Amino acid sequence: MNDQSEPPTKKRRTEAPVKEGPIQLKEDDPILSKGEEPIPLKDEEEELEELFLLLMRIHKLTRRNQELKQVLDETLAETSKLRTRLDYLRVVQYLKAENPMFRPISILISPRKRPPVRKAKSPKKRAKESSG
């Protein structure tokens, strides 16, 4: 009765102990046979090596693909900025052609560095400097 009231608990899987040495396979192992004819072990090892090389190549290509995608994203962002600037310059050129007296806001065309803003001194500090 007590067993039915409690929810069943999942059994934990116990991991098999790790063996240090390489796995020894035998030619007549049922895992290594296709139906009636056995698969030669050398072919299996060569296929595994080829598979490993293919996986490594996929890994390298994936990493290269990610790098190229990042470069593409950066290039697209830069292109967007340049297009915006080009559109602005076209508008300025058009307005200048329509009205020779038109002066664009120079900050937008060539931003200048502003001098650092000085903080206003407190009245106490001003009083000290004038008296001192």
C-alpha atoms as a PDB file:
ATOM      1  CA  MET A   1       0.000   0.000   0.000  1.00  0.00           C
ATOM      2  CA  ASN A   2       2.788   2.400   0.873  1.00  0.00           C
ATOM      3  CA  ASP A   3       4.476   1.743  -2.491  1.00  0.00           C
ATOM      4  CA  GLN A   4       1.374   2.839  -4.425  1.00  0.00           C
ATOM      5  CA  SER A   5       1.037   6.227  -2.694  1.00  0.00           C
ATOM      6  CA  GLU A   6       4.577   7.342  -3.582  1.00  0.00           C
ATOM      7  CA  PRO A   7       5.359   8.172  -7.210  1.00  0.00           C
ATOM      8  CA  PRO A   8       7.738   5.744  -8.856  1.00  0.00           C
ATOM      9  CA  THR A   9      11.308   6.999  -8.939  1.00  0.00           C
ATOM     10  CA  LYS A  10      13.493   6.743 -11.983  1.00  0.00           C
ATOM     11  CA  LYS A  11      16.350   4.331 -11.698  1.00  0.00           C
ATOM     12  CA  ARG A  12      19.755   5.888 -12.138  1.00  0.00           C
ATOM     13  CA  ARG A  13      21.955   4.601 -14.864  1.00  0.00           C
ATOM     14  CA  THR A  14      25.296   3.393 -13.714  1.00  0.00           C
ATOM     15  CA  GLU A  15      28.130   4.179 -16.047  1.00  0.00           C
ATOM     16  CA  ALA A  16      30.311   1.344 -17.207  1.00  0.00           C
ATOM     17  CA  PRO A  17      33.883   1.512 -15.957  1.00  0.00           C
ATOM     18  CA  VAL A  18      36.270   3.043 -18.488  1.00  0.00           C
ATOM     19  CA  LYS A  19      38.724   0.542 -19.905  1.00  0.00           C
ATOM     20  CA  GLU A  20      42.208   1.859 -20.529  1.00  0.00           C
ATOM     21  CA  GLY A  21      43.264  -0.473 -23.340  1.00  0.00           C
ATOM     22  CA  PRO A  22      41.962  -0.504 -26.907  1.00  0.00           C
ATOM     23  CA  ILE A  23      38.933  -2.619 -27.675  1.00  0.00           C
ATOM     24  CA  GLN A  24      39.909  -5.924 -29.251  1.00  0.00           C
ATOM     25  CA  LEU A  25      37.501  -7.069 -31.924  1.00  0.00           C
ATOM     26  CA  LYS A  26      37.454 -10.514 -33.436  1.00  0.00           C
ATOM     27  CA  GLU A  27      36.801 -11.333 -37.076  1.00  0.00           C
ATOM     28  CA  ASP A  28      33.873 -13.613 -36.191  1.00  0.00           C
ATOM     29  CA  ASP A  29      32.162 -11.032 -33.963  1.00  0.00           C
ATOM     30  CA  PRO A  30      28.439 -10.891 -34.960  1.00  0.00           C
ATOM     31  CA  ILE A  31      28.539  -7.075 -34.851  1.00  0.00           C
ATOM     32  CA  LEU A  32      31.131  -7.048 -37.607  1.00  0.00           C
ATOM     33  CA  SER A  33      29.257  -9.221 -40.065  1.00  0.00           C
ATOM     34  CA  LYS A  34      26.787  -8.232 -42.751  1.00  0.00           C
ATOM     35  CA  GLY A  35      24.408 -11.140 -42.905  1.00  0.00           C
ATOM     36  CA  GLU A  36      26.603 -14.108 -43.822  1.00  0.00           C
ATOM     37  CA  GLU A  37      29.890 -12.430 -44.803  1.00  0.00           C
ATOM     38  CA  PRO A  38      32.141 -10.818 -42.165  1.00  0.00           C
ATOM     39  CA  ILE A  39      33.490  -7.274 -42.623  1.00  0.00           C
ATOM     40  CA  PRO A  40      37.299  -7.192 -42.637  1.00  0.00           C
ATOM     41  CA  LEU A  41      38.652  -5.186 -39.694  1.00  0.00           C
ATOM     42  CA  LYS A  42      41.155  -3.254 -41.795  1.00  0.00           C
ATOM     43  CA  ASP A  43      38.353  -1.862 -43.943  1.00  0.00           C
ATOM     44  CA  GLU A  44      36.472  -0.886 -40.789  1.00  0.00           C
ATOM     45  CA  GLU A  45      39.537   0.947 -39.422  1.00  0.00           C
ATOM     46  CA  GLU A  46      40.095   2.724 -42.742  1.00  0.00           C
ATOM     47  CA  GLU A  47      36.441   3.751 -42.858  1.00  0.00           C
ATOM     48  CA  LEU A  48      36.624   5.048 -39.292  1.00  0.00           C
ATOM     49  CA  GLU A  49      39.752   7.017 -40.142  1.00  0.00           C
ATOM     50  CA  GLU A  50      38.065   8.430 -43.247  1.00  0.00           C
ATOM     51  CA  LEU A  51      34.982   9.282 -41.200  1.00  0.00           C
ATOM     52  CA  PHE A  52      37.144  11.038 -38.611  1.00  0.00           C
ATOM     53  CA  LEU A  53      38.870  13.069 -41.337  1.00  0.00           C
ATOM     54  CA  LEU A  54      35.490  14.018 -42.792  1.00  0.00           C
ATOM     55  CA  LEU A  55      34.248  15.107 -39.359  1.00  0.00           C
ATOM     56  CA  MET A  56      37.374  17.222 -38.860  1.00  0.00           C
ATOM     57  CA  ARG A  57      36.835  18.831 -42.258  1.00  0.00           C
ATOM     58  CA  ILE A  58      33.184  19.543 -41.408  1.00  0.00           C
ATOM     59  CA  HIS A  59      34.326  21.115 -38.135  1.00  0.00           C
ATOM     60  CA  LYS A  60      36.857  23.353 -39.922  1.00  0.00           C
ATOM     61  CA  LEU A  61      34.335  24.340 -42.585  1.00  0.00           C
ATOM     62  CA  THR A  62      31.724  25.144 -39.933  1.00  0.00           C
ATOM     63  CA  ARG A  63      34.180  27.357 -38.076  1.00  0.00           C
ATOM     64  CA  ARG A  64      35.208  29.053 -41.341  1.00  0.00           C
ATOM     65  CA  ASN A  65      31.531  29.535 -42.202  1.00  0.00           C
ATOM     66  CA  GLN A  66      30.955  31.284 -38.861  1.00  0.00           C
ATOM     67  CA  GLU A  67      33.963  33.562 -39.467  1.00  0.00           C
ATOM     68  CA  LEU A  68      32.708  34.434 -42.944  1.00  0.00           C
ATOM     69  CA  LYS A  69      29.216  35.100 -41.588  1.00  0.00           C
ATOM     70  CA  GLN A  70      30.667  37.515 -39.029  1.00  0.00           C
ATOM     71  CA  VAL A  71      32.655  39.313 -41.764  1.00  0.00           C
ATOM     72  CA  LEU A  72      29.508  39.493 -43.890  1.00  0.00           C
ATOM     73  CA  ASP A  73      27.497  40.980 -41.002  1.00  0.00           C
ATOM     74  CA  GLU A  74      30.206  43.610 -40.387  1.00  0.00           C
ATOM     75  CA  THR A  75      30.344  44.423 -44.110  1.00  0.00           C
ATOM     76  CA  LEU A  76      26.561  44.787 -44.291  1.00  0.00           C
ATOM     77  CA  ALA A  77      26.589  47.143 -41.293  1.00  0.00           C
ATOM     78  CA  GLU A  78      29.332  49.261 -42.892  1.00  0.00           C
ATOM     79  CA  THR A  79      27.465  49.267 -46.227  1.00  0.00           C
ATOM     80  CA  SER A  80      24.326  50.466 -44.475  1.00  0.00           C
ATOM     81  CA  LYS A  81      26.248  53.364 -42.891  1.00  0.00           C
ATOM     82  CA  LEU A  82      27.785  54.296 -46.241  1.00  0.00           C
ATOM     83  CA  ARG A  83      24.407  54.184 -47.988  1.00  0.00           C
ATOM     84  CA  THR A  84      22.926  56.483 -45.361  1.00  0.00           C
ATOM     85  CA  ARG A  85      25.806  58.922 -45.813  1.00  0.00           C
ATOM     86  CA  LEU A  86      25.527  58.743 -49.612  1.00  0.00           C
ATOM     87  CA  ASP A  87      21.788  59.438 -49.436  1.00  0.00           C
ATOM     88  CA  TYR A  88      22.474  62.436 -47.203  1.00  0.00           C
ATOM     89  CA  LEU A  89      25.129  63.796 -49.582  1.00  0.00           C
ATOM     90  CA  ARG A  90      22.775  63.372 -52.550  1.00  0.00           C
ATOM     91  CA  VAL A  91      20.092  65.373 -50.741  1.00  0.00           C
ATOM     92  CA  VAL A  92      22.616  68.100 -49.902  1.00  0.00           C
ATOM     93  CA  GLN A  93      23.801  68.204 -53.525  1.00  0.00           C
ATOM     94  CA  TYR A  94      20.208  68.464 -54.771  1.00  0.00           C
ATOM     95  CA  LEU A  95      19.364  71.242 -52.314  1.00  0.00           C
ATOM     96  CA  LYS A  96      22.512  73.166 -53.282  1.00  0.00           C
ATOM     97  CA  ALA A  97      21.564  72.870 -56.956  1.00  0.00           C
ATOM     98  CA  GLU A  98      18.055  74.156 -56.201  1.00  0.00           C
ATOM     99  CA  ASN A  99      19.209  76.966 -53.920  1.00  0.00           C
ATOM    100  CA  PRO A 100      22.837  78.190 -54.172  1.00  0.00           C
ATOM    101  CA  MET A 101      22.467  79.917 -50.784  1.00  0.00           C
ATOM    102  CA  PHE A 102      21.714  76.590 -49.048  1.00  0.00           C
ATOM    103  CA  ARG A 103      24.232  75.746 -46.350  1.00  0.00           C
ATOM    104  CA  PRO A 104      24.038  72.262 -44.835  1.00  0.00           C
ATOM    105  CA  ILE A 105      24.702  71.775 -41.166  1.00  0.00           C
ATOM    106  CA  SER A 106      28.444  71.227 -41.189  1.00  0.00           C
ATOM    107  CA  ILE A 107      28.345  68.912 -38.181  1.00  0.00           C
ATOM    108  CA  LEU A 108      26.498  66.302 -40.207  1.00  0.00           C
ATOM    109  CA  ILE A 109      28.942  66.474 -43.118  1.00  0.00           C
ATOM    110  CA  SER A 110      32.179  66.566 -41.153  1.00  0.00           C
ATOM    111  CA  PRO A 111      31.777  66.172 -37.420  1.00  0.00           C
ATOM    112  CA  ARG A 112      34.260  68.232 -35.413  1.00  0.00           C
ATOM    113  CA  LYS A 113      35.616  67.376 -32.031  1.00  0.00           C
ATOM    114  CA  ARG A 114      34.117  69.518 -29.323  1.00  0.00           C
ATOM    115  CA  PRO A 115      36.307  70.989 -26.619  1.00  0.00           C
ATOM    116  CA  PRO A 116      35.776  69.388 -23.212  1.00  0.00           C
ATOM    117  CA  VAL A 117      33.012  70.980 -21.185  1.00  0.00           C
ATOM    118  CA  ARG A 118      34.263  72.689 -18.047  1.00  0.00           C
ATOM    119  CA  LYS A 119      32.256  72.170 -14.924  1.00  0.00           C
ATOM    120  CA  ALA A 120      30.885  75.283 -13.285  1.00  0.00           C
ATOM    121  CA  LYS A 121      32.609  76.044 -10.013  1.00  0.00           C
ATOM    122  CA  SER A 122      30.546  76.128  -6.881  1.00  0.00           C
ATOM    123  CA  PRO A 123      30.010  79.531  -5.212  1.00  0.00           C
ATOM    124  CA  LYS A 124      32.168  78.410  -2.270  1.00  0.00           C
ATOM    125  CA  LYS A 125      35.160  77.691  -4.522  1.00  0.00           C
ATOM    126  CA  ARG A 126      34.706  81.008  -6.359  1.00  0.00           C
ATOM    127  CA  ALA A 127      34.643  82.839  -3.035  1.00  0.00           C
ATOM    128  CA  LYS A 128      37.841  81.057  -1.913  1.00  0.00           C
ATOM    129  CA  GLU A 129      39.698  81.931  -5.141  1.00  0.00           C
ATOM    130  CA  SER A 130      38.649  85.582  -5.083  1.00  0.00           C
ATOM    131  CA  SER A 131      39.576  86.011  -1.406  1.00  0.00           C
ATOM    132  CA  GLY A 132      42.770  83.928  -1.555  1.00  0.00           C
END
